[in-house]
Amino acid sequence: MNNIPKISEAEWAVMKAIWNENPITSNRVIEVVSESTNWQPKTIRTLLNRLVSKGAVGHDGKGREYKFFPLVEESVVVKAESSSFLSRVFGGALKPALAAMVESEKLTKEDIEELKRILDEKQGE
């Protein structure tokens, strides 16, 4: 997991757009990210360039039209970030992390059933 680039909170919005629409033009990234933020196009382009520099995003292009695509899978980055968060905030201990999250969030009956299913599967491993 060492070669997984660290993605800042702001860069996540750009990565989500790229993961959802792959490949995607910079103008489309700006359009998508602008729907959920008040960032200027220049800010979004800067974030996009940072992601390219970090090796999280690649690009192909001719002329002024570049298409961007992820170089890292979303699930791999999510797993790495989750592990990092768990280590930083809970000293790597899963039980208190789960307890804190479950206690602080409103869960539907379906959410609870899904969590039970996941735990039952883990128990069977």
N, C-alpha and C. Protein backbone atom coordinates (compact mmCIF):
# COMPACT_ATOMS: atom_id res chain seq x y z
N MET A 1 0.82 -1.20 0.00
CA MET A 1 0.00 0.00 0.00
C MET A 1 0.85 1.26 0.00
N ASN A 2 2.17 1.13 0.00
CA ASN A 2 3.04 2.28 0.06
C ASN A 2 3.01 3.13 -1.20
N ASN A 3 2.72 2.56 -2.38
CA ASN A 3 2.74 3.34 -3.60
C ASN A 3 1.38 3.97 -3.89
N ILE A 4 0.48 3.94 -2.96
CA ILE A 4 -0.82 4.57 -3.14
C ILE A 4 -0.68 6.04 -2.76
N PRO A 5 -0.99 6.93 -3.70
CA PRO A 5 -0.81 8.36 -3.41
C PRO A 5 -1.75 8.84 -2.31
N LYS A 6 -1.25 9.75 -1.49
CA LYS A 6 -2.08 10.39 -0.48
C LYS A 6 -2.96 11.41 -1.18
N ILE A 7 -4.24 11.30 -0.97
CA ILE A 7 -5.20 12.20 -1.63
C ILE A 7 -5.83 13.08 -0.57
N SER A 8 -5.69 14.39 -0.76
CA SER A 8 -6.23 15.35 0.21
C SER A 8 -7.75 15.35 0.15
N GLU A 9 -8.36 15.97 1.13
CA GLU A 9 -9.82 16.04 1.18
C GLU A 9 -10.37 16.73 -0.07
N ALA A 10 -9.75 17.82 -0.49
CA ALA A 10 -10.21 18.54 -1.69
C ALA A 10 -10.01 17.68 -2.94
N GLU A 11 -8.91 16.97 -3.01
CA GLU A 11 -8.63 16.13 -4.18
C GLU A 11 -9.62 14.98 -4.32
N TRP A 12 -10.23 14.56 -3.21
CA TRP A 12 -11.23 13.48 -3.27
C TRP A 12 -12.39 13.85 -4.18
N ALA A 13 -12.82 15.10 -4.15
CA ALA A 13 -13.95 15.52 -5.00
C ALA A 13 -13.59 15.33 -6.47
N VAL A 14 -12.36 15.66 -6.83
CA VAL A 14 -11.91 15.51 -8.22
C VAL A 14 -11.79 14.03 -8.56
N MET A 15 -11.21 13.24 -7.65
CA MET A 15 -11.06 11.80 -7.90
C MET A 15 -12.42 11.14 -8.07
N LYS A 16 -13.40 11.52 -7.27
CA LYS A 16 -14.74 10.93 -7.40
C LYS A 16 -15.30 11.18 -8.80
N ALA A 17 -15.12 12.39 -9.31
CA ALA A 17 -15.60 12.70 -10.66
C ALA A 17 -14.89 11.82 -11.68
N ILE A 18 -13.60 11.63 -11.51
CA ILE A 18 -12.82 10.82 -12.46
C ILE A 18 -13.20 9.35 -12.34
N TRP A 19 -13.36 8.85 -11.14
CA TRP A 19 -13.77 7.45 -10.97
C TRP A 19 -15.16 7.21 -11.56
N ASN A 20 -16.05 8.19 -11.42
CA ASN A 20 -17.42 8.03 -11.91
C ASN A 20 -17.56 8.14 -13.41
N GLU A 21 -16.72 8.94 -14.05
CA GLU A 21 -16.79 9.15 -15.50
C GLU A 21 -15.38 8.99 -16.07
N ASN A 22 -15.06 7.80 -16.43
CA ASN A 22 -13.70 7.49 -16.86
C ASN A 22 -13.70 7.00 -18.30
N PRO A 23 -13.00 7.68 -19.21
CA PRO A 23 -12.22 8.91 -19.06
C PRO A 23 -13.13 10.13 -19.03
N ILE A 24 -12.55 11.26 -18.61
CA ILE A 24 -13.33 12.49 -18.45
C ILE A 24 -12.46 13.68 -18.83
N THR A 25 -13.05 14.66 -19.47
CA THR A 25 -12.30 15.86 -19.84
C THR A 25 -12.16 16.79 -18.63
N SER A 26 -11.19 17.69 -18.70
CA SER A 26 -11.02 18.63 -17.60
C SER A 26 -12.24 19.53 -17.47
N ASN A 27 -12.85 19.92 -18.59
CA ASN A 27 -14.06 20.74 -18.51
C ASN A 27 -15.19 20.01 -17.82
N ARG A 28 -15.31 18.73 -18.08
CA ARG A 28 -16.36 17.94 -17.42
C ARG A 28 -16.05 17.78 -15.94
N VAL A 29 -14.77 17.59 -15.58
CA VAL A 29 -14.39 17.52 -14.16
C VAL A 29 -14.81 18.81 -13.47
N ILE A 30 -14.51 19.94 -14.10
CA ILE A 30 -14.87 21.24 -13.53
C ILE A 30 -16.39 21.34 -13.35
N GLU A 31 -17.13 20.92 -14.36
CA GLU A 31 -18.59 20.95 -14.30
C GLU A 31 -19.12 20.10 -13.14
N VAL A 32 -18.62 18.88 -13.03
CA VAL A 32 -19.10 17.96 -11.99
C VAL A 32 -18.73 18.46 -10.60
N VAL A 33 -17.48 18.85 -10.41
CA VAL A 33 -17.02 19.29 -9.08
C VAL A 33 -17.69 20.60 -8.68
N SER A 34 -17.95 21.47 -9.65
CA SER A 34 -18.60 22.75 -9.36
C SER A 34 -20.03 22.58 -8.86
N GLU A 35 -20.66 21.44 -9.19
CA GLU A 35 -22.03 21.18 -8.73
C GLU A 35 -22.09 21.02 -7.21
N SER A 36 -21.00 20.56 -6.60
CA SER A 36 -21.03 20.30 -5.15
C SER A 36 -20.08 21.21 -4.36
N THR A 37 -19.40 22.13 -5.04
CA THR A 37 -18.49 23.06 -4.35
C THR A 37 -18.69 24.45 -4.94
N ASN A 38 -18.03 25.42 -4.33
CA ASN A 38 -18.05 26.77 -4.89
C ASN A 38 -16.66 27.14 -5.42
N TRP A 39 -15.88 26.12 -5.80
CA TRP A 39 -14.52 26.34 -6.26
C TRP A 39 -14.50 26.91 -7.67
N GLN A 40 -13.50 27.73 -7.91
CA GLN A 40 -13.27 28.30 -9.24
C GLN A 40 -12.64 27.24 -10.15
N PRO A 41 -12.85 27.33 -11.46
CA PRO A 41 -12.23 26.38 -12.39
C PRO A 41 -10.72 26.27 -12.21
N LYS A 42 -10.05 27.39 -11.93
CA LYS A 42 -8.59 27.36 -11.74
C LYS A 42 -8.21 26.47 -10.55
N THR A 43 -8.98 26.53 -9.48
CA THR A 43 -8.73 25.69 -8.31
C THR A 43 -8.87 24.21 -8.66
N ILE A 44 -9.91 23.89 -9.40
CA ILE A 44 -10.15 22.49 -9.79
C ILE A 44 -9.04 22.00 -10.71
N ARG A 45 -8.61 22.86 -11.63
CA ARG A 45 -7.49 22.48 -12.52
C ARG A 45 -6.21 22.24 -11.71
N THR A 46 -5.98 23.08 -10.70
CA THR A 46 -4.81 22.90 -9.83
C THR A 46 -4.87 21.55 -9.13
N LEU A 47 -6.04 21.20 -8.61
CA LEU A 47 -6.21 19.90 -7.94
C LEU A 47 -5.98 18.76 -8.93
N LEU A 48 -6.49 18.91 -10.12
CA LEU A 48 -6.31 17.90 -11.16
C LEU A 48 -4.82 17.73 -11.49
N ASN A 49 -4.11 18.83 -11.61
CA ASN A 49 -2.66 18.77 -11.88
C ASN A 49 -1.89 18.12 -10.73
N ARG A 50 -2.31 18.39 -9.50
CA ARG A 50 -1.67 17.76 -8.34
C ARG A 50 -1.85 16.24 -8.38
N LEU A 51 -3.06 15.82 -8.75
CA LEU A 51 -3.34 14.39 -8.83
C LEU A 51 -2.51 13.72 -9.92
N VAL A 52 -2.29 14.43 -11.02
CA VAL A 52 -1.43 13.90 -12.08
C VAL A 52 0.00 13.79 -11.55
N SER A 53 0.47 14.82 -10.85
CA SER A 53 1.83 14.81 -10.29
C SER A 53 2.03 13.70 -9.27
N LYS A 54 0.99 13.41 -8.51
CA LYS A 54 1.06 12.36 -7.49
C LYS A 54 0.98 10.96 -8.08
N GLY A 55 0.59 10.86 -9.35
CA GLY A 55 0.46 9.56 -9.98
C GLY A 55 -0.89 8.90 -9.73
N ALA A 56 -1.86 9.69 -9.27
CA ALA A 56 -3.21 9.16 -9.05
C ALA A 56 -4.04 9.20 -10.33
N VAL A 57 -3.68 10.12 -11.22
CA VAL A 57 -4.44 10.35 -12.44
C VAL A 57 -3.48 10.43 -13.63
N GLY A 58 -3.91 9.85 -14.74
CA GLY A 58 -3.15 9.97 -15.99
C GLY A 58 -3.99 10.73 -17.00
N HIS A 59 -3.38 11.07 -18.14
CA HIS A 59 -4.14 11.79 -19.16
C HIS A 59 -3.63 11.47 -20.55
N ASP A 60 -4.54 11.54 -21.48
CA ASP A 60 -4.26 11.43 -22.91
C ASP A 60 -4.85 12.67 -23.55
N GLY A 61 -4.23 13.16 -24.57
CA GLY A 61 -4.84 14.31 -25.19
C GLY A 61 -4.19 14.71 -26.48
N LYS A 62 -4.99 15.38 -27.25
CA LYS A 62 -4.54 15.98 -28.50
C LYS A 62 -5.00 17.42 -28.48
N GLY A 63 -4.10 18.33 -28.79
CA GLY A 63 -4.47 19.73 -28.77
C GLY A 63 -4.85 20.19 -27.40
N ARG A 64 -5.99 20.83 -27.28
CA ARG A 64 -6.44 21.38 -26.00
C ARG A 64 -7.36 20.43 -25.24
N GLU A 65 -7.72 19.32 -25.85
CA GLU A 65 -8.68 18.39 -25.24
C GLU A 65 -7.97 17.21 -24.60
N TYR A 66 -7.87 17.23 -23.29
CA TYR A 66 -7.26 16.13 -22.55
C TYR A 66 -8.35 15.28 -21.91
N LYS A 67 -8.14 13.99 -21.92
CA LYS A 67 -9.02 13.06 -21.20
C LYS A 67 -8.23 12.52 -20.03
N PHE A 68 -8.82 12.56 -18.86
CA PHE A 68 -8.17 12.10 -17.65
C PHE A 68 -8.77 10.77 -17.22
N PHE A 69 -7.94 9.94 -16.61
CA PHE A 69 -8.37 8.62 -16.15
C PHE A 69 -7.61 8.27 -14.88
N PRO A 70 -8.23 7.46 -14.01
CA PRO A 70 -7.57 7.10 -12.75
C PRO A 70 -6.45 6.10 -12.98
N LEU A 71 -5.38 6.28 -12.23
CA LEU A 71 -4.28 5.31 -12.23
C LEU A 71 -4.33 4.43 -10.99
N VAL A 72 -5.25 4.74 -10.09
CA VAL A 72 -5.46 3.94 -8.88
C VAL A 72 -6.95 3.63 -8.77
N GLU A 73 -7.25 2.43 -8.31
CA GLU A 73 -8.65 2.03 -8.15
C GLU A 73 -9.24 2.66 -6.90
N GLU A 74 -10.48 3.05 -6.99
CA GLU A 74 -11.15 3.67 -5.85
C GLU A 74 -11.12 2.76 -4.63
N SER A 75 -11.42 1.48 -4.80
CA SER A 75 -11.48 0.56 -3.66
C SER A 75 -10.12 0.44 -2.97
N VAL A 76 -9.04 0.49 -3.73
CA VAL A 76 -7.69 0.40 -3.15
C VAL A 76 -7.38 1.65 -2.33
N VAL A 77 -7.75 2.82 -2.86
CA VAL A 77 -7.50 4.08 -2.14
C VAL A 77 -8.38 4.16 -0.90
N VAL A 78 -9.62 3.74 -1.01
CA VAL A 78 -10.53 3.75 0.14
C VAL A 78 -9.98 2.86 1.24
N LYS A 79 -9.51 1.68 0.87
CA LYS A 79 -8.95 0.75 1.85
C LYS A 79 -7.72 1.36 2.54
N ALA A 80 -6.85 1.97 1.77
CA ALA A 80 -5.64 2.59 2.33
C ALA A 80 -6.00 3.76 3.25
N GLU A 81 -6.94 4.59 2.82
CA GLU A 81 -7.36 5.73 3.64
C GLU A 81 -8.05 5.27 4.92
N SER A 82 -8.85 4.22 4.82
CA SER A 82 -9.53 3.68 6.00
C SER A 82 -8.52 3.16 7.00
N SER A 83 -7.51 2.47 6.51
CA SER A 83 -6.46 1.93 7.37
C SER A 83 -5.69 3.07 8.03
N SER A 84 -5.38 4.09 7.26
CA SER A 84 -4.66 5.25 7.79
C SER A 84 -5.48 5.95 8.87
N PHE A 85 -6.77 6.15 8.60
CA PHE A 85 -7.67 6.78 9.57
C PHE A 85 -7.74 5.96 10.85
N LEU A 86 -7.90 4.67 10.69
CA LEU A 86 -7.99 3.77 11.84
C LEU A 86 -6.73 3.86 12.70
N SER A 87 -5.59 3.89 12.06
CA SER A 87 -4.32 4.00 12.79
C SER A 87 -4.19 5.34 13.49
N ARG A 88 -4.48 6.43 12.77
CA ARG A 88 -4.31 7.77 13.33
C ARG A 88 -5.27 8.05 14.48
N VAL A 89 -6.53 7.73 14.28
CA VAL A 89 -7.55 8.14 15.23
C VAL A 89 -7.80 7.13 16.33
N PHE A 90 -7.71 5.83 16.01
CA PHE A 90 -8.06 4.80 16.98
C PHE A 90 -6.90 3.88 17.31
N GLY A 91 -5.69 4.29 16.96
CA GLY A 91 -4.51 3.47 17.26
C GLY A 91 -4.57 2.10 16.60
N GLY A 92 -5.31 2.00 15.50
CA GLY A 92 -5.41 0.74 14.77
C GLY A 92 -6.48 -0.21 15.29
N ALA A 93 -7.17 0.17 16.35
CA ALA A 93 -8.18 -0.70 16.95
C ALA A 93 -9.52 -0.54 16.25
N LEU A 94 -10.00 -1.62 15.67
CA LEU A 94 -11.23 -1.60 14.90
C LEU A 94 -12.48 -1.50 15.77
N LYS A 95 -12.51 -2.23 16.87
CA LYS A 95 -13.71 -2.29 17.71
C LYS A 95 -14.17 -0.91 18.20
N PRO A 96 -13.28 -0.08 18.78
CA PRO A 96 -13.76 1.24 19.21
C PRO A 96 -14.15 2.14 18.02
N ALA A 97 -13.51 1.95 16.88
CA ALA A 97 -13.85 2.74 15.70
C ALA A 97 -15.27 2.40 15.25
N LEU A 98 -15.56 1.11 15.14
CA LEU A 98 -16.91 0.69 14.74
C LEU A 98 -17.95 1.15 15.75
N ALA A 99 -17.63 0.98 17.03
CA ALA A 99 -18.57 1.39 18.07
C ALA A 99 -18.86 2.89 17.97
N ALA A 100 -17.83 3.70 17.79
CA ALA A 100 -18.02 5.15 17.69
C ALA A 100 -18.88 5.51 16.49
N MET A 101 -18.62 4.86 15.37
CA MET A 101 -19.38 5.17 14.16
C MET A 101 -20.83 4.72 14.27
N VAL A 102 -21.05 3.52 14.78
CA VAL A 102 -22.41 2.99 14.91
C VAL A 102 -23.21 3.81 15.91
N GLU A 103 -22.57 4.21 17.00
CA GLU A 103 -23.28 4.99 18.02
C GLU A 103 -23.60 6.41 17.56
N SER A 104 -22.78 6.98 16.69
CA SER A 104 -22.99 8.37 16.30
C SER A 104 -23.86 8.53 15.06
N GLU A 105 -24.11 7.45 14.33
CA GLU A 105 -24.90 7.54 13.10
C GLU A 105 -26.29 6.94 13.30
N LYS A 106 -27.25 7.48 12.56
CA LYS A 106 -28.59 6.90 12.57
C LYS A 106 -28.60 5.77 11.55
N LEU A 107 -28.95 4.58 11.99
CA LEU A 107 -28.94 3.40 11.13
C LEU A 107 -30.36 2.92 10.86
N THR A 108 -30.61 2.57 9.61
CA THR A 108 -31.90 1.99 9.26
C THR A 108 -31.85 0.49 9.60
N LYS A 109 -33.00 -0.13 9.56
CA LYS A 109 -33.07 -1.58 9.79
C LYS A 109 -32.22 -2.29 8.73
N GLU A 110 -32.26 -1.79 7.49
CA GLU A 110 -31.47 -2.39 6.41
C GLU A 110 -29.97 -2.25 6.67
N ASP A 111 -29.57 -1.09 7.19
CA ASP A 111 -28.15 -0.88 7.53
C ASP A 111 -27.70 -1.90 8.57
N ILE A 112 -28.52 -2.10 9.58
CA ILE A 112 -28.18 -3.03 10.66
C ILE A 112 -28.10 -4.46 10.12
N GLU A 113 -29.05 -4.82 9.28
CA GLU A 113 -29.03 -6.17 8.69
C GLU A 113 -27.77 -6.39 7.85
N GLU A 114 -27.38 -5.37 7.09
CA GLU A 114 -26.18 -5.47 6.26
C GLU A 114 -24.93 -5.61 7.13
N LEU A 115 -24.86 -4.84 8.20
CA LEU A 115 -23.72 -4.94 9.13
C LEU A 115 -23.67 -6.34 9.77
N LYS A 116 -24.81 -6.86 10.14
CA LYS A 116 -24.86 -8.22 10.71
C LYS A 116 -24.37 -9.24 9.70
N ARG A 117 -24.81 -9.10 8.44
CA ARG A 117 -24.39 -10.02 7.39
C ARG A 117 -22.87 -9.99 7.21
N ILE A 118 -22.32 -8.80 7.17
CA ILE A 118 -20.87 -8.66 7.00
C ILE A 118 -20.13 -9.30 8.17
N LEU A 119 -20.60 -9.05 9.38
CA LEU A 119 -19.95 -9.64 10.56
C LEU A 119 -20.09 -11.16 10.59
N ASP A 120 -21.24 -11.66 10.19
CA ASP A 120 -21.44 -13.10 10.13
C ASP A 120 -20.48 -13.74 9.12
N GLU A 121 -20.29 -13.08 7.98
CA GLU A 121 -19.34 -13.59 6.98
C GLU A 121 -17.92 -13.59 7.53
N LYS A 122 -17.57 -12.55 8.25
CA LYS A 122 -16.22 -12.46 8.84
C LYS A 122 -16.01 -13.57 9.88
N GLN A 123 -17.06 -13.86 10.62
CA GLN A 123 -16.98 -14.90 11.65
C GLN A 123 -16.73 -16.27 11.02
N GLY A 124 -17.26 -16.48 9.81
CA GLY A 124 -17.12 -17.75 9.12
C GLY A 124 -15.75 -17.93 8.45
N GLU A 125 -14.97 -16.86 8.38
CA GLU A 125 -13.65 -16.96 7.72
C GLU A 125 -12.65 -17.71 8.57
